[in-house]
C-alpha atoms as a PDB file:
ATOM      1  CA  UNK A   1    -174.175 -61.320 200.146  1.00  0.00           C
ATOM      2  CA  UNK A   2    -175.346 -61.955 203.889  1.00  0.00           C
ATOM      3  CA  UNK A   3    -178.881 -59.934 203.640  1.00  0.00           C
ATOM      4  CA  UNK A   4    -179.866 -62.374 200.477  1.00  0.00           C
ATOM      5  CA  UNK A   5    -181.786 -65.275 201.125  1.00  0.00           C
ATOM      6  CA  UNK A   6    -180.195 -68.318 199.653  1.00  0.00           C
ATOM      7  CA  UNK A   7    -181.990 -70.854 198.225  1.00  0.00           C
ATOM      8  CA  UNK A   8    -180.634 -74.532 198.234  1.00  0.00           C
ATOM      9  CA  UNK A   9    -180.250 -76.332 195.050  1.00  0.00           C
ATOM     10  CA  UNK A  10    -179.699 -80.347 195.102  1.00  0.00           C
ATOM     11  CA  UNK A  11    -176.795 -80.729 192.314  1.00  0.00           C
ATOM     12  CA  UNK A  12    -178.436 -84.172 191.505  1.00  0.00           C
ATOM     13  CA  UNK A  13    -181.373 -81.995 189.937  1.00  0.00           C
ATOM     14  CA  UNK A  14    -179.186 -80.193 187.527  1.00  0.00           C
ATOM     15  CA  UNK A  15    -179.862 -80.761 184.016  1.00  0.00           C
ATOM     16  CA  UNK A  16    -177.826 -79.044 180.665  1.00  0.00           C
ATOM     17  CA  UNK A  17    -179.096 -75.596 179.839  1.00  0.00           C
ATOM     18  CA  UNK A  18    -180.487 -74.654 183.005  1.00  0.00           C
ATOM     19  CA  UNK A  19    -179.988 -70.863 183.934  1.00  0.00           C
ATOM     20  CA  UNK A  20    -180.551 -68.821 186.824  1.00  0.00           C
ATOM     21  CA  UNK A  21    -181.903 -65.140 187.839  1.00  0.00           C
ATOM     22  CA  UNK A  22    -178.918 -64.894 189.829  1.00  0.00           C
ATOM     23  CA  UNK A  23    -175.563 -66.095 190.363  1.00  0.00           C
ATOM     24  CA  UNK A  24    -175.298 -69.731 191.589  1.00  0.00           C
ATOM     25  CA  UNK A  25    -172.591 -69.959 194.341  1.00  0.00           C
ATOM     26  CA  UNK A  26    -170.854 -73.041 195.837  1.00  0.00           C
ATOM     27  CA  UNK A  27    -172.318 -74.223 199.350  1.00  0.00           C
ATOM     28  CA  UNK A  28    -169.994 -71.431 201.407  1.00  0.00           C
ATOM     29  CA  UNK A  29    -172.057 -68.930 200.110  1.00  0.00           C
ATOM     30  CA  UNK A  30    -169.520 -66.826 198.672  1.00  0.00           C
ATOM     31  CA  UNK A  31    -167.682 -68.445 195.740  1.00  0.00           C
ATOM     32  CA  UNK A  32    -169.681 -68.147 192.474  1.00  0.00           C
ATOM     33  CA  UNK A  33    -169.919 -71.202 190.567  1.00  0.00           C
ATOM     34  CA  UNK A  34    -171.851 -70.140 187.671  1.00  0.00           C
ATOM     35  CA  UNK A  35    -172.964 -66.332 186.602  1.00  0.00           C
ATOM     36  CA  UNK A  36    -176.435 -64.928 186.392  1.00  0.00           C
ATOM     37  CA  UNK A  37    -178.362 -66.086 183.333  1.00  0.00           C
ATOM     38  CA  UNK A  38    -175.105 -68.513 182.468  1.00  0.00           C
ATOM     39  CA  UNK A  39    -176.841 -71.874 180.476  1.00  0.00           C
ATOM     40  CA  UNK A  40    -175.239 -74.980 182.726  1.00  0.00           C
ATOM     41  CA  UNK A  41    -173.137 -76.796 180.563  1.00  0.00           C
ATOM     42  CA  UNK A  42    -172.011 -80.558 180.088  1.00  0.00           C
ATOM     43  CA  UNK A  43    -168.186 -79.574 182.047  1.00  0.00           C
ATOM     44  CA  UNK A  44    -170.194 -78.096 185.062  1.00  0.00           C
ATOM     45  CA  UNK A  45    -171.842 -80.985 185.376  1.00  0.00           C
ATOM     46  CA  UNK A  46    -168.693 -82.722 185.148  1.00  0.00           C
ATOM     47  CA  UNK A  47    -166.839 -80.785 187.792  1.00  0.00           C
ATOM     48  CA  UNK A  48    -169.708 -80.903 190.485  1.00  0.00           C
ATOM     49  CA  UNK A  49    -169.846 -84.488 190.493  1.00  0.00           C
ATOM     50  CA  UNK A  50    -165.847 -84.936 190.232  1.00  0.00           C
ATOM     51  CA  UNK A  51    -165.661 -82.398 193.585  1.00  0.00           C
ATOM     52  CA  UNK A  52    -168.639 -84.579 195.200  1.00  0.00           C
ATOM     53  CA  UNK A  53    -170.885 -81.431 195.974  1.00  0.00           C
ATOM     54  CA  UNK A  54    -173.801 -82.247 196.844  1.00  0.00           C
ATOM     55  CA  UNK A  55    -175.714 -78.866 196.589  1.00  0.00           C
ATOM     56  CA  UNK A  56    -175.076 -75.062 195.632  1.00  0.00           C
ATOM     57  CA  UNK A  57    -177.083 -71.631 196.558  1.00  0.00           C
ATOM     58  CA  UNK A  58    -178.639 -68.895 194.958  1.00  0.00           C
ATOM     59  CA  UNK A  59    -180.745 -66.265 196.040  1.00  0.00           C
ATOM     60  CA  UNK A  60    -182.237 -66.066 192.307  1.00  0.00           C
ATOM     61  CA  UNK A  61    -184.995 -68.352 190.383  1.00  0.00           C
ATOM     62  CA  UNK A  62    -184.614 -70.871 187.698  1.00  0.00           C
ATOM     63  CA  UNK A  63    -185.226 -68.931 184.463  1.00  0.00           C
ATOM     64  CA  UNK A  64    -187.457 -70.581 182.158  1.00  0.00           C
ATOM     65  CA  UNK A  65    -188.350 -68.953 178.881  1.00  0.00           C
ATOM     66  CA  UNK A  66    -190.610 -71.745 177.567  1.00  0.00           C
ATOM     67  CA  UNK A  67    -187.565 -73.205 175.770  1.00  0.00           C
ATOM     68  CA  UNK A  68    -186.264 -76.702 176.598  1.00  0.00           C
ATOM     69  CA  UNK A  69    -183.123 -77.232 175.106  1.00  0.00           C
ATOM     70  CA  UNK A  70    -183.205 -80.342 172.544  1.00  0.00           C
ATOM     71  CA  UNK A  71    -179.914 -82.997 172.716  1.00  0.00           C
ATOM     72  CA  UNK A  72    -179.139 -81.928 169.144  1.00  0.00           C
ATOM     73  CA  UNK A  73    -178.922 -78.154 169.787  1.00  0.00           C
ATOM     74  CA  UNK A  74    -176.760 -78.640 172.605  1.00  0.00           C
ATOM     75  CA  UNK A  75    -174.438 -80.985 170.655  1.00  0.00           C
ATOM     76  CA  UNK A  76    -174.051 -78.198 168.244  1.00  0.00           C
ATOM     77  CA  UNK A  77    -173.054 -75.683 170.724  1.00  0.00           C
ATOM     78  CA  UNK A  78    -170.334 -77.629 172.194  1.00  0.00           C
ATOM     79  CA  UNK A  79    -168.949 -78.326 168.645  1.00  0.00           C
ATOM     80  CA  UNK A  80    -168.946 -74.757 167.596  1.00  0.00           C
ATOM     81  CA  UNK A  81    -167.209 -74.087 171.226  1.00  0.00           C
ATOM     82  CA  UNK A  82    -164.576 -76.497 170.224  1.00  0.00           C
ATOM     83  CA  UNK A  83    -164.300 -75.134 167.372  1.00  0.00           C
ATOM     84  CA  UNK A  84    -163.529 -71.367 168.370  1.00  0.00           C
ATOM     85  CA  UNK A  85    -161.076 -72.642 170.931  1.00  0.00           C
ATOM     86  CA  UNK A  86    -158.727 -73.492 168.298  1.00  0.00           C
END
């Protein structure tokens, strides 16, 4: 991966539902934080804050499909995941 040019992502700019076209890595550029095309969830943001991570890295870009997740749809998705885990 050393031949790829990383883009720095300020963790203060992260929002629920964000997706990236390539994996997102911790600041070391080796350990993956979020998989390609995977949506950022509340527990991801909480972990970043808890661990005092200032930035993440990706060689991709923010994926925008024109659909902004609403708080209602995210809430329903989180509820469904809780039920599935039981």
